[in-house]
Amino acid sequence: MAPHSSPERSLKASLRAEALKRRDALSPEARAAGSLAAAETIAGFPELAQAPLVGAFWPIRSEIDPRPLIERLFARGQRVALPKVTKQGLVFREWRAGEELVQGGFGLSEPRDDLPPLDPTALIVPLAAFDRAGQRIGYGAGYYDQAIERLSKNGPVLTVGIAFSVQEIERVPAEPHDRPLDHLVTETGPVPLRQS
């Protein structure tokens, strides 16, 4: 990485650690209730309802759980793709209810390798921390930033960040490659985004 980006990276690392500590402190009951509430909100977005294929993720650790949202997408006939981490970045493959997932790196549950890669037009994006400009801090590897950039070459990609409200921070030290999300949702509802 370029030397000028190291102060931002260092600050992001400490902000990430603090936000994840707050997230880890939530009770399992609060996380389950929050995941359901966020699913209800996101399922109501008209532009998400129009996406033929939605990229979602399988939760790890204390992440907000998008599976209640995935169930709602399936219930209305939408298709869902889950990511696999590869050396080339995130590859999305369709996942159907009840299909077996395989264990991937970083403790991830991923679709089988023999399924064809597909490009979603909407992404439900995990994150460690966020601000009201729609900026996010991920887990540090840049996979989603790269995926959003790649998928955007095919046309507009709707991006919806999903997190708990305790993960909000005052300001993400955004770098030039960081793209703001279209929407951010927590258990309290849509996060009003300010124009940066």
N, C-alpha and C. Protein backbone atom coordinates (compact mmCIF):
# COMPACT_ATOMS: atom_id res chain seq x y z
N MET A 1 0.83 -1.19 0.00
CA MET A 1 0.00 0.00 0.00
C MET A 1 0.87 1.25 0.00
N ALA A 2 0.33 2.32 -0.57
CA ALA A 2 1.09 3.56 -0.61
C ALA A 2 1.26 4.09 0.81
N PRO A 3 2.45 4.67 1.10
CA PRO A 3 2.71 5.14 2.46
C PRO A 3 1.67 6.13 2.97
N HIS A 4 1.12 7.00 2.04
CA HIS A 4 0.18 8.02 2.50
C HIS A 4 -1.11 7.41 3.05
N SER A 5 -1.39 6.15 2.72
CA SER A 5 -2.65 5.56 3.18
C SER A 5 -2.51 4.90 4.56
N SER A 6 -1.28 4.78 5.07
CA SER A 6 -1.12 4.06 6.33
C SER A 6 -1.77 4.74 7.54
N PRO A 7 -1.77 6.07 7.68
CA PRO A 7 -2.49 6.64 8.83
C PRO A 7 -3.98 6.31 8.81
N GLU A 8 -4.60 6.38 7.61
CA GLU A 8 -6.02 6.03 7.49
C GLU A 8 -6.24 4.57 7.86
N ARG A 9 -5.34 3.70 7.37
CA ARG A 9 -5.48 2.26 7.64
C ARG A 9 -5.35 1.99 9.14
N SER A 10 -4.43 2.67 9.79
CA SER A 10 -4.24 2.48 11.22
C SER A 10 -5.47 2.96 12.00
N LEU A 11 -6.01 4.11 11.60
CA LEU A 11 -7.20 4.64 12.26
C LEU A 11 -8.39 3.71 12.02
N LYS A 12 -8.52 3.24 10.79
CA LYS A 12 -9.61 2.30 10.48
C LYS A 12 -9.52 1.05 11.34
N ALA A 13 -8.31 0.55 11.53
CA ALA A 13 -8.12 -0.67 12.33
C ALA A 13 -8.60 -0.46 13.76
N SER A 14 -8.29 0.70 14.35
CA SER A 14 -8.71 0.92 15.74
C SER A 14 -10.22 1.17 15.81
N LEU A 15 -10.79 1.90 14.84
CA LEU A 15 -12.23 2.13 14.81
C LEU A 15 -12.98 0.81 14.61
N ARG A 16 -12.43 -0.05 13.75
CA ARG A 16 -13.02 -1.38 13.51
C ARG A 16 -13.05 -2.19 14.80
N ALA A 17 -11.92 -2.22 15.50
CA ALA A 17 -11.81 -3.01 16.73
C ALA A 17 -12.81 -2.53 17.78
N GLU A 18 -12.95 -1.20 17.92
CA GLU A 18 -13.89 -0.64 18.91
C GLU A 18 -15.33 -0.99 18.55
N ALA A 19 -15.69 -0.85 17.26
CA ALA A 19 -17.07 -1.14 16.83
C ALA A 19 -17.39 -2.62 17.00
N LEU A 20 -16.44 -3.48 16.68
CA LEU A 20 -16.68 -4.91 16.81
C LEU A 20 -16.80 -5.32 18.28
N LYS A 21 -16.08 -4.63 19.14
CA LYS A 21 -16.19 -4.91 20.58
C LYS A 21 -17.60 -4.56 21.07
N ARG A 22 -18.14 -3.44 20.58
CA ARG A 22 -19.51 -3.07 20.96
C ARG A 22 -20.51 -4.09 20.40
N ARG A 23 -20.27 -4.52 19.16
CA ARG A 23 -21.17 -5.51 18.55
C ARG A 23 -21.12 -6.84 19.31
N ASP A 24 -19.91 -7.27 19.66
CA ASP A 24 -19.75 -8.53 20.40
C ASP A 24 -20.47 -8.50 21.75
N ALA A 25 -20.62 -7.30 22.33
CA ALA A 25 -21.23 -7.17 23.65
C ALA A 25 -22.75 -7.29 23.62
N LEU A 26 -23.35 -7.25 22.43
CA LEU A 26 -24.81 -7.41 22.33
C LEU A 26 -25.19 -8.83 22.71
N SER A 27 -26.33 -8.96 23.36
CA SER A 27 -26.79 -10.31 23.74
C SER A 27 -27.27 -11.05 22.50
N PRO A 28 -27.24 -12.39 22.54
CA PRO A 28 -27.78 -13.16 21.41
C PRO A 28 -29.23 -12.80 21.11
N GLU A 29 -30.02 -12.50 22.15
CA GLU A 29 -31.42 -12.13 21.96
C GLU A 29 -31.53 -10.80 21.20
N ALA A 30 -30.71 -9.83 21.59
CA ALA A 30 -30.73 -8.53 20.91
C ALA A 30 -30.30 -8.67 19.45
N ARG A 31 -29.31 -9.53 19.21
CA ARG A 31 -28.85 -9.74 17.84
C ARG A 31 -29.94 -10.40 16.99
N ALA A 32 -30.63 -11.39 17.56
CA ALA A 32 -31.70 -12.08 16.82
C ALA A 32 -32.85 -11.11 16.52
N ALA A 33 -33.27 -10.35 17.52
CA ALA A 33 -34.38 -9.39 17.32
C ALA A 33 -33.97 -8.31 16.33
N GLY A 34 -32.72 -7.83 16.43
CA GLY A 34 -32.23 -6.80 15.52
C GLY A 34 -32.15 -7.29 14.08
N SER A 35 -31.76 -8.54 13.91
CA SER A 35 -31.67 -9.11 12.57
C SER A 35 -33.06 -9.19 11.92
N LEU A 36 -34.05 -9.58 12.70
CA LEU A 36 -35.42 -9.64 12.19
C LEU A 36 -35.93 -8.25 11.82
N ALA A 37 -35.67 -7.27 12.67
CA ALA A 37 -36.13 -5.90 12.42
C ALA A 37 -35.48 -5.34 11.16
N ALA A 38 -34.17 -5.56 10.99
CA ALA A 38 -33.47 -5.06 9.80
C ALA A 38 -34.00 -5.74 8.54
N ALA A 39 -34.30 -7.04 8.64
CA ALA A 39 -34.84 -7.78 7.49
C ALA A 39 -36.16 -7.18 7.03
N GLU A 40 -37.03 -6.84 7.99
CA GLU A 40 -38.33 -6.25 7.65
C GLU A 40 -38.14 -4.93 6.90
N THR A 41 -37.21 -4.10 7.39
CA THR A 41 -36.96 -2.81 6.75
C THR A 41 -36.45 -3.00 5.33
N ILE A 42 -35.41 -3.82 5.18
CA ILE A 42 -34.77 -3.96 3.86
C ILE A 42 -35.72 -4.61 2.86
N ALA A 43 -36.51 -5.57 3.31
CA ALA A 43 -37.45 -6.25 2.41
C ALA A 43 -38.45 -5.25 1.82
N GLY A 44 -38.66 -4.14 2.52
CA GLY A 44 -39.60 -3.12 2.04
C GLY A 44 -39.03 -2.15 1.02
N PHE A 45 -37.74 -2.24 0.71
CA PHE A 45 -37.15 -1.32 -0.27
C PHE A 45 -37.64 -1.70 -1.68
N PRO A 46 -38.36 -0.79 -2.37
CA PRO A 46 -38.87 -1.14 -3.71
C PRO A 46 -37.76 -1.50 -4.69
N GLU A 47 -36.64 -0.78 -4.64
CA GLU A 47 -35.58 -1.06 -5.63
C GLU A 47 -34.93 -2.42 -5.40
N LEU A 48 -34.94 -2.90 -4.15
CA LEU A 48 -34.41 -4.24 -3.88
C LEU A 48 -35.36 -5.30 -4.44
N ALA A 49 -36.66 -5.03 -4.35
CA ALA A 49 -37.66 -5.98 -4.85
C ALA A 49 -37.53 -6.18 -6.35
N GLN A 50 -36.94 -5.21 -7.06
CA GLN A 50 -36.80 -5.31 -8.51
C GLN A 50 -35.53 -6.05 -8.94
N ALA A 51 -34.63 -6.34 -8.01
CA ALA A 51 -33.37 -7.00 -8.37
C ALA A 51 -33.61 -8.49 -8.63
N PRO A 52 -33.25 -8.98 -9.82
CA PRO A 52 -33.48 -10.39 -10.11
C PRO A 52 -32.56 -11.32 -9.31
N LEU A 53 -31.38 -10.83 -8.96
CA LEU A 53 -30.42 -11.64 -8.19
C LEU A 53 -29.78 -10.75 -7.13
N VAL A 54 -29.95 -11.13 -5.88
CA VAL A 54 -29.42 -10.33 -4.76
C VAL A 54 -28.23 -11.07 -4.15
N GLY A 55 -27.11 -10.38 -4.04
CA GLY A 55 -25.94 -10.92 -3.35
C GLY A 55 -26.11 -10.68 -1.86
N ALA A 56 -26.07 -11.74 -1.08
CA ALA A 56 -26.18 -11.62 0.37
C ALA A 56 -24.93 -12.27 0.98
N PHE A 57 -24.97 -12.59 2.25
CA PHE A 57 -23.82 -13.24 2.89
C PHE A 57 -24.32 -14.10 4.03
N TRP A 58 -23.52 -15.06 4.43
CA TRP A 58 -23.83 -15.92 5.57
C TRP A 58 -23.11 -15.33 6.76
N PRO A 59 -23.77 -15.14 7.91
CA PRO A 59 -23.13 -14.42 9.01
C PRO A 59 -22.03 -15.23 9.70
N ILE A 60 -21.03 -14.49 10.18
CA ILE A 60 -19.98 -15.08 11.02
C ILE A 60 -19.91 -14.28 12.31
N ARG A 61 -19.39 -14.93 13.33
CA ARG A 61 -19.21 -14.29 14.64
C ARG A 61 -20.48 -13.58 15.08
N SER A 62 -20.36 -12.32 15.49
CA SER A 62 -21.53 -11.61 16.04
C SER A 62 -22.22 -10.72 15.00
N GLU A 63 -21.97 -10.97 13.72
CA GLU A 63 -22.59 -10.16 12.66
C GLU A 63 -24.11 -10.20 12.74
N ILE A 64 -24.72 -9.10 12.29
CA ILE A 64 -26.16 -9.11 12.11
C ILE A 64 -26.46 -10.22 11.10
N ASP A 65 -27.56 -10.91 11.31
CA ASP A 65 -27.86 -12.11 10.52
C ASP A 65 -28.79 -11.78 9.36
N PRO A 66 -28.30 -11.88 8.11
CA PRO A 66 -29.16 -11.57 6.96
C PRO A 66 -30.08 -12.73 6.55
N ARG A 67 -30.00 -13.86 7.25
CA ARG A 67 -30.82 -15.00 6.82
C ARG A 67 -32.33 -14.73 6.90
N PRO A 68 -32.84 -13.97 7.89
CA PRO A 68 -34.28 -13.63 7.84
C PRO A 68 -34.64 -12.83 6.58
N LEU A 69 -33.71 -11.99 6.12
CA LEU A 69 -33.95 -11.25 4.88
C LEU A 69 -33.93 -12.20 3.68
N ILE A 70 -32.97 -13.11 3.66
CA ILE A 70 -32.88 -14.09 2.56
C ILE A 70 -34.18 -14.88 2.46
N GLU A 71 -34.74 -15.27 3.61
CA GLU A 71 -36.01 -16.00 3.61
C GLU A 71 -37.12 -15.17 2.96
N ARG A 72 -37.13 -13.87 3.24
CA ARG A 72 -38.15 -12.99 2.65
C ARG A 72 -37.94 -12.86 1.14
N LEU A 73 -36.69 -12.79 0.71
CA LEU A 73 -36.41 -12.70 -0.73
C LEU A 73 -36.89 -13.96 -1.43
N PHE A 74 -36.57 -15.13 -0.85
CA PHE A 74 -37.04 -16.39 -1.43
C PHE A 74 -38.57 -16.44 -1.49
N ALA A 75 -39.21 -15.96 -0.41
CA ALA A 75 -40.67 -16.04 -0.32
C ALA A 75 -41.35 -15.27 -1.44
N ARG A 76 -40.69 -14.23 -1.94
CA ARG A 76 -41.31 -13.47 -3.04
C ARG A 76 -40.68 -13.80 -4.39
N GLY A 77 -39.95 -14.88 -4.45
CA GLY A 77 -39.47 -15.39 -5.73
C GLY A 77 -38.15 -14.82 -6.22
N GLN A 78 -37.42 -14.11 -5.35
CA GLN A 78 -36.13 -13.58 -5.79
C GLN A 78 -35.03 -14.63 -5.61
N ARG A 79 -34.01 -14.50 -6.43
CA ARG A 79 -32.86 -15.40 -6.35
C ARG A 79 -31.78 -14.75 -5.50
N VAL A 80 -30.98 -15.59 -4.84
CA VAL A 80 -29.95 -15.10 -3.92
C VAL A 80 -28.62 -15.75 -4.28
N ALA A 81 -27.57 -14.95 -4.26
CA ALA A 81 -26.21 -15.47 -4.46
C ALA A 81 -25.39 -15.17 -3.21
N LEU A 82 -24.50 -16.09 -2.87
CA LEU A 82 -23.60 -15.89 -1.73
C LEU A 82 -22.17 -15.82 -2.24
N PRO A 83 -21.30 -15.09 -1.53
CA PRO A 83 -19.93 -14.92 -2.01
C PRO A 83 -18.99 -16.03 -1.57
N LYS A 84 -17.98 -16.22 -2.38
CA LYS A 84 -16.85 -17.07 -2.03
C LYS A 84 -15.61 -16.21 -2.18
N VAL A 85 -14.74 -16.26 -1.19
CA VAL A 85 -13.48 -15.51 -1.26
C VAL A 85 -12.49 -16.31 -2.10
N THR A 86 -11.98 -15.67 -3.17
CA THR A 86 -10.96 -16.29 -4.01
C THR A 86 -9.78 -15.33 -4.14
N LYS A 87 -8.70 -15.80 -4.75
CA LYS A 87 -7.53 -14.93 -4.96
C LYS A 87 -7.89 -13.75 -5.86
N GLN A 88 -8.90 -13.94 -6.71
CA GLN A 88 -9.33 -12.87 -7.63
C GLN A 88 -10.37 -11.95 -6.99
N GLY A 89 -10.77 -12.23 -5.76
CA GLY A 89 -11.80 -11.43 -5.10
C GLY A 89 -13.03 -12.26 -4.82
N LEU A 90 -14.16 -11.58 -4.60
CA LEU A 90 -15.41 -12.29 -4.29
C LEU A 90 -16.04 -12.82 -5.58
N VAL A 91 -16.42 -14.08 -5.54
CA VAL A 91 -17.18 -14.70 -6.62
C VAL A 91 -18.53 -15.09 -6.04
N PHE A 92 -19.62 -14.64 -6.69
CA PHE A 92 -20.96 -14.93 -6.21
C PHE A 92 -21.54 -16.12 -6.96
N ARG A 93 -22.15 -17.03 -6.20
CA ARG A 93 -22.82 -18.20 -6.79
C ARG A 93 -24.21 -18.31 -6.18
N GLU A 94 -25.16 -18.73 -7.01
CA GLU A 94 -26.54 -18.82 -6.53
C GLU A 94 -26.65 -19.86 -5.41
N TRP A 95 -27.46 -19.51 -4.42
CA TRP A 95 -27.73 -20.43 -3.33
C TRP A 95 -29.24 -20.58 -3.21
N ARG A 96 -29.69 -21.81 -3.09
CA ARG A 96 -31.12 -22.08 -2.93
C ARG A 96 -31.38 -22.61 -1.53
N ALA A 97 -32.56 -22.32 -1.02
CA ALA A 97 -32.92 -22.72 0.34
C ALA A 97 -32.66 -24.22 0.55
N GLY A 98 -32.00 -24.52 1.63
CA GLY A 98 -31.76 -25.92 1.99
C GLY A 98 -30.50 -26.51 1.39
N GLU A 99 -29.88 -25.81 0.43
CA GLU A 99 -28.65 -26.34 -0.16
C GLU A 99 -27.51 -26.32 0.85
N GLU A 100 -26.71 -27.35 0.82
CA GLU A 100 -25.55 -27.48 1.70
C GLU A 100 -24.52 -26.39 1.33
N LEU A 101 -23.94 -25.76 2.33
CA LEU A 101 -22.84 -24.81 2.11
C LEU A 101 -21.55 -25.50 2.51
N VAL A 102 -20.43 -25.03 1.95
CA VAL A 102 -19.14 -25.61 2.30
C VAL A 102 -18.34 -24.62 3.13
N GLN A 103 -17.45 -25.14 3.95
CA GLN A 103 -16.62 -24.30 4.82
C GLN A 103 -15.53 -23.63 3.98
N GLY A 104 -15.46 -22.30 4.07
CA GLY A 104 -14.44 -21.56 3.34
C GLY A 104 -13.45 -20.93 4.30
N GLY A 105 -12.57 -20.11 3.78
CA GLY A 105 -11.61 -19.39 4.60
C GLY A 105 -12.31 -18.38 5.50
N PHE A 106 -11.64 -17.91 6.52
CA PHE A 106 -12.14 -16.90 7.46
C PHE A 106 -13.38 -17.38 8.21
N GLY A 107 -13.63 -18.69 8.25
CA GLY A 107 -14.81 -19.22 8.93
C GLY A 107 -16.09 -19.02 8.16
N LEU A 108 -15.99 -18.73 6.86
CA LEU A 108 -17.16 -18.45 6.05
C LEU A 108 -17.84 -19.73 5.58
N SER A 109 -19.15 -19.64 5.39
CA SER A 109 -19.92 -20.70 4.75
C SER A 109 -20.20 -20.23 3.33
N GLU A 110 -19.83 -21.04 2.35
CA GLU A 110 -19.87 -20.61 0.96
C GLU A 110 -20.58 -21.63 0.07
N PRO A 111 -21.10 -21.17 -1.09
CA PRO A 111 -21.69 -22.12 -2.04
C PRO A 111 -20.61 -23.04 -2.62
N ARG A 112 -21.05 -24.16 -3.17
CA ARG A 112 -20.11 -25.13 -3.77
C ARG A 112 -19.40 -24.53 -4.99
N ASP A 113 -18.17 -24.98 -5.20
CA ASP A 113 -17.36 -24.48 -6.31
C ASP A 113 -17.89 -24.87 -7.68
N ASP A 114 -18.72 -25.92 -7.76
CA ASP A 114 -19.17 -26.37 -9.08
C ASP A 114 -20.37 -25.56 -9.59
N LEU A 115 -20.85 -24.60 -8.79
CA LEU A 115 -21.94 -23.74 -9.25
C LEU A 115 -21.37 -22.59 -10.07
N PRO A 116 -22.07 -22.15 -11.12
CA PRO A 116 -21.52 -21.09 -11.98
C PRO A 116 -21.48 -19.74 -11.27
N PRO A 117 -20.45 -18.93 -11.53
CA PRO A 117 -20.42 -17.58 -10.96
C PRO A 117 -21.48 -16.70 -11.62
N LEU A 118 -22.10 -15.86 -10.82
CA LEU A 118 -23.15 -14.95 -11.31
C LEU A 118 -22.88 -13.55 -10.76
N ASP A 119 -23.43 -12.54 -11.45
CA ASP A 119 -23.23 -11.16 -11.02
C ASP A 119 -24.53 -10.56 -10.50
N PRO A 120 -24.65 -10.38 -9.18
CA PRO A 120 -25.87 -9.75 -8.63
C PRO A 120 -25.97 -8.29 -9.04
N THR A 121 -27.20 -7.77 -9.06
CA THR A 121 -27.41 -6.34 -9.32
C THR A 121 -27.73 -5.59 -8.04
N ALA A 122 -27.79 -6.33 -6.93
CA ALA A 122 -27.97 -5.71 -5.61
C ALA A 122 -27.13 -6.51 -4.62
N LEU A 123 -26.55 -5.81 -3.66
CA LEU A 123 -25.70 -6.45 -2.66
C LEU A 123 -26.14 -6.05 -1.26
N ILE A 124 -26.29 -7.05 -0.39
CA ILE A 124 -26.44 -6.81 1.04
C ILE A 124 -25.02 -6.91 1.59
N VAL A 125 -24.52 -5.82 2.16
CA VAL A 125 -23.10 -5.70 2.47
C VAL A 125 -22.84 -5.77 3.97
N PRO A 126 -21.98 -6.69 4.40
CA PRO A 126 -21.60 -6.73 5.81
C PRO A 126 -20.60 -5.61 6.10
N LEU A 127 -20.45 -5.26 7.36
CA LEU A 127 -19.48 -4.21 7.71
C LEU A 127 -19.14 -4.28 9.19
N ALA A 128 -18.03 -3.64 9.51
CA ALA A 128 -17.60 -3.56 10.91
C ALA A 128 -18.07 -2.25 11.55
N ALA A 129 -18.02 -1.16 10.76
CA ALA A 129 -18.44 0.15 11.28
C ALA A 129 -18.95 0.98 10.10
N PHE A 130 -19.76 2.01 10.42
CA PHE A 130 -20.30 2.87 9.36
C PHE A 130 -20.51 4.27 9.90
N ASP A 131 -20.64 5.23 8.97
CA ASP A 131 -21.00 6.59 9.36
C ASP A 131 -22.21 7.04 8.53
N ARG A 132 -22.67 8.25 8.81
CA ARG A 132 -23.90 8.73 8.17
C ARG A 132 -23.65 9.34 6.80
N ALA A 133 -22.42 9.22 6.30
CA ALA A 133 -22.15 9.58 4.90
C ALA A 133 -22.28 8.33 4.02
N GLY A 134 -22.64 7.20 4.64
CA GLY A 134 -22.77 5.96 3.88
C GLY A 134 -21.46 5.22 3.70
N GLN A 135 -20.41 5.68 4.38
CA GLN A 135 -19.12 5.00 4.28
C GLN A 135 -19.07 3.87 5.30
N ARG A 136 -18.33 2.83 4.94
CA ARG A 136 -18.22 1.66 5.82
C ARG A 136 -16.76 1.31 6.03
N ILE A 137 -16.52 0.67 7.16
CA ILE A 137 -15.24 0.01 7.39
C ILE A 137 -15.55 -1.47 7.35
N GLY A 138 -14.89 -2.18 6.46
CA GLY A 138 -15.09 -3.62 6.35
C GLY A 138 -14.12 -4.33 7.29
N TYR A 139 -13.72 -5.50 6.88
CA TYR A 139 -12.82 -6.29 7.73
C TYR A 139 -11.36 -6.15 7.33
N GLY A 140 -11.09 -5.24 6.39
CA GLY A 140 -9.71 -4.89 6.10
C GLY A 140 -9.11 -5.43 4.82
N ALA A 141 -9.80 -6.35 4.15
CA ALA A 141 -9.21 -6.95 2.95
C ALA A 141 -9.70 -6.29 1.66
N GLY A 142 -10.74 -5.45 1.74
CA GLY A 142 -11.22 -4.73 0.56
C GLY A 142 -12.05 -5.55 -0.41
N TYR A 143 -12.50 -6.74 0.01
CA TYR A 143 -13.22 -7.61 -0.92
C TYR A 143 -14.49 -6.97 -1.47
N TYR A 144 -15.25 -6.34 -0.60
CA TYR A 144 -16.52 -5.76 -1.07
C TYR A 144 -16.28 -4.52 -1.92
N ASP A 145 -15.29 -3.69 -1.58
CA ASP A 145 -14.98 -2.53 -2.42
C ASP A 145 -14.65 -3.00 -3.84
N GLN A 146 -13.83 -4.05 -3.94
CA GLN A 146 -13.45 -4.57 -5.26
C GLN A 146 -14.65 -5.17 -5.98
N ALA A 147 -15.48 -5.91 -5.24
CA ALA A 147 -16.66 -6.53 -5.86
C ALA A 147 -17.62 -5.47 -6.39
N ILE A 148 -17.86 -4.43 -5.60
CA ILE A 148 -18.78 -3.36 -6.03
C ILE A 148 -18.23 -2.68 -7.28
N GLU A 149 -16.93 -2.42 -7.29
CA GLU A 149 -16.31 -1.79 -8.46
C GLU A 149 -16.46 -2.70 -9.69
N ARG A 150 -16.19 -3.99 -9.52
CA ARG A 150 -16.28 -4.93 -10.65
C ARG A 150 -17.71 -5.05 -11.15
N LEU A 151 -18.66 -5.24 -10.23
CA LEU A 151 -20.05 -5.42 -10.63
C LEU A 151 -20.62 -4.15 -11.27
N SER A 152 -20.14 -2.99 -10.85
CA SER A 152 -20.64 -1.72 -11.39
C SER A 152 -20.29 -1.53 -12.86
N LYS A 153 -19.32 -2.29 -13.33
CA LYS A 153 -18.96 -2.20 -14.76
C LYS A 153 -20.08 -2.77 -15.63
N ASN A 154 -20.96 -3.62 -15.05
CA ASN A 154 -22.09 -4.18 -15.78
C ASN A 154 -23.31 -3.25 -15.76
N GLY A 155 -23.29 -2.26 -14.89
CA GLY A 155 -24.44 -1.37 -14.70
C GLY A 155 -24.58 -1.05 -13.22
N PRO A 156 -25.60 -0.27 -12.85
CA PRO A 156 -25.76 0.13 -11.46
C PRO A 156 -25.95 -1.07 -10.53
N VAL A 157 -25.33 -0.98 -9.36
CA VAL A 157 -25.46 -2.02 -8.34
C VAL A 157 -26.01 -1.35 -7.07
N LEU A 158 -27.15 -1.83 -6.61
CA LEU A 158 -27.73 -1.32 -5.37
C LEU A 158 -26.95 -1.90 -4.20
N THR A 159 -26.44 -1.04 -3.31
CA THR A 159 -25.69 -1.53 -2.16
C THR A 159 -26.41 -1.14 -0.86
N VAL A 160 -26.67 -2.16 -0.04
CA VAL A 160 -27.37 -1.95 1.23
C VAL A 160 -26.50 -2.51 2.35
N GLY A 161 -25.94 -1.62 3.16
CA GLY A 161 -25.16 -2.05 4.31
C GLY A 161 -26.09 -2.44 5.44
N ILE A 162 -25.73 -3.48 6.17
CA ILE A 162 -26.57 -3.97 7.25
C ILE A 162 -25.70 -4.17 8.49
N ALA A 163 -26.14 -3.60 9.61
CA ALA A 163 -25.34 -3.63 10.84
C ALA A 163 -26.23 -3.33 12.03
N PHE A 164 -25.64 -3.41 13.21
CA PHE A 164 -26.33 -2.97 14.43
C PHE A 164 -26.00 -1.50 14.67
N SER A 165 -26.90 -0.78 15.33
CA SER A 165 -26.69 0.65 15.56
C SER A 165 -25.43 0.93 16.38
N VAL A 166 -25.00 -0.01 17.22
CA VAL A 166 -23.79 0.21 18.03
C VAL A 166 -22.53 0.26 17.17
N GLN A 167 -22.64 -0.07 15.89
CA GLN A 167 -21.48 -0.04 15.00
C GLN A 167 -21.30 1.32 14.33
N GLU A 168 -22.21 2.25 14.60
CA GLU A 168 -22.07 3.58 14.00
C GLU A 168 -20.92 4.34 14.65
N ILE A 169 -20.16 5.04 13.82
CA ILE A 169 -19.10 5.91 14.31
C ILE A 169 -19.31 7.30 13.72
N GLU A 170 -18.60 8.29 14.25
CA GLU A 170 -18.79 9.66 13.80
C GLU A 170 -18.37 9.83 12.34
N ARG A 171 -17.18 9.33 12.00
CA ARG A 171 -16.70 9.52 10.63
C ARG A 171 -15.74 8.40 10.25
N VAL A 172 -16.02 7.78 9.12
CA VAL A 172 -15.10 6.78 8.56
C VAL A 172 -14.00 7.53 7.82
N PRO A 173 -12.74 7.24 8.10
CA PRO A 173 -11.66 7.88 7.34
C PRO A 173 -11.60 7.27 5.93
N ALA A 174 -12.46 7.78 5.06
CA ALA A 174 -12.60 7.21 3.71
C ALA A 174 -11.35 7.46 2.88
N GLU A 175 -10.99 6.45 2.10
CA GLU A 175 -9.88 6.55 1.15
C GLU A 175 -10.47 6.69 -0.25
N PRO A 176 -9.64 7.10 -1.23
CA PRO A 176 -10.18 7.36 -2.57
C PRO A 176 -10.96 6.19 -3.18
N HIS A 177 -10.56 4.94 -2.88
CA HIS A 177 -11.24 3.79 -3.49
C HIS A 177 -12.55 3.42 -2.78
N ASP A 178 -12.81 4.01 -1.61
CA ASP A 178 -14.02 3.67 -0.84
C ASP A 178 -15.25 4.28 -1.51
N ARG A 179 -16.28 3.46 -1.64
CA ARG A 179 -17.53 3.92 -2.25
C ARG A 179 -18.62 3.97 -1.19
N PRO A 180 -19.37 5.07 -1.09
CA PRO A 180 -20.46 5.10 -0.12
C PRO A 180 -21.56 4.12 -0.53
N LEU A 181 -22.24 3.57 0.46
CA LEU A 181 -23.35 2.66 0.22
C LEU A 181 -24.61 3.46 -0.15
N ASP A 182 -25.51 2.83 -0.89
CA ASP A 182 -26.77 3.49 -1.24
C ASP A 182 -27.69 3.60 -0.03
N HIS A 183 -27.69 2.55 0.79
CA HIS A 183 -28.54 2.53 1.99
C HIS A 183 -27.76 1.87 3.12
N LEU A 184 -28.10 2.27 4.33
CA LEU A 184 -27.60 1.61 5.54
C LEU A 184 -28.81 1.33 6.42
N VAL A 185 -28.87 0.12 6.95
CA VAL A 185 -30.00 -0.27 7.78
C VAL A 185 -29.48 -0.92 9.05
N THR A 186 -30.08 -0.53 10.17
CA THR A 186 -29.80 -1.18 11.46
C THR A 186 -31.12 -1.70 12.01
N GLU A 187 -31.06 -2.23 13.21
CA GLU A 187 -32.28 -2.73 13.85
C GLU A 187 -33.28 -1.62 14.13
N THR A 188 -32.83 -0.36 14.10
CA THR A 188 -33.75 0.76 14.37
C THR A 188 -34.39 1.29 13.08
N GLY A 189 -33.98 0.76 11.94
CA GLY A 189 -34.55 1.21 10.66
C GLY A 189 -33.50 1.77 9.74
N PRO A 190 -33.92 2.45 8.65
CA PRO A 190 -32.95 3.03 7.73
C PRO A 190 -32.15 4.14 8.42
N VAL A 191 -30.86 4.19 8.15
CA VAL A 191 -30.01 5.25 8.70
C VAL A 191 -30.09 6.44 7.74
N PRO A 192 -30.52 7.63 8.22
CA PRO A 192 -30.57 8.79 7.32
C PRO A 192 -29.14 9.17 6.91
N LEU A 193 -28.89 9.17 5.62
CA LEU A 193 -27.54 9.46 5.14
C LEU A 193 -27.42 10.92 4.74
N ARG A 194 -26.34 11.54 5.20
CA ARG A 194 -26.08 12.92 4.80
C ARG A 194 -25.30 12.93 3.50
N GLN A 195 -25.44 13.98 2.76
CA GLN A 195 -24.67 14.12 1.52
C GLN A 195 -23.25 14.53 1.90
N SER A 196 -22.25 13.78 1.36
CA SER A 196 -20.87 14.14 1.71
C SER A 196 -20.33 15.18 0.75
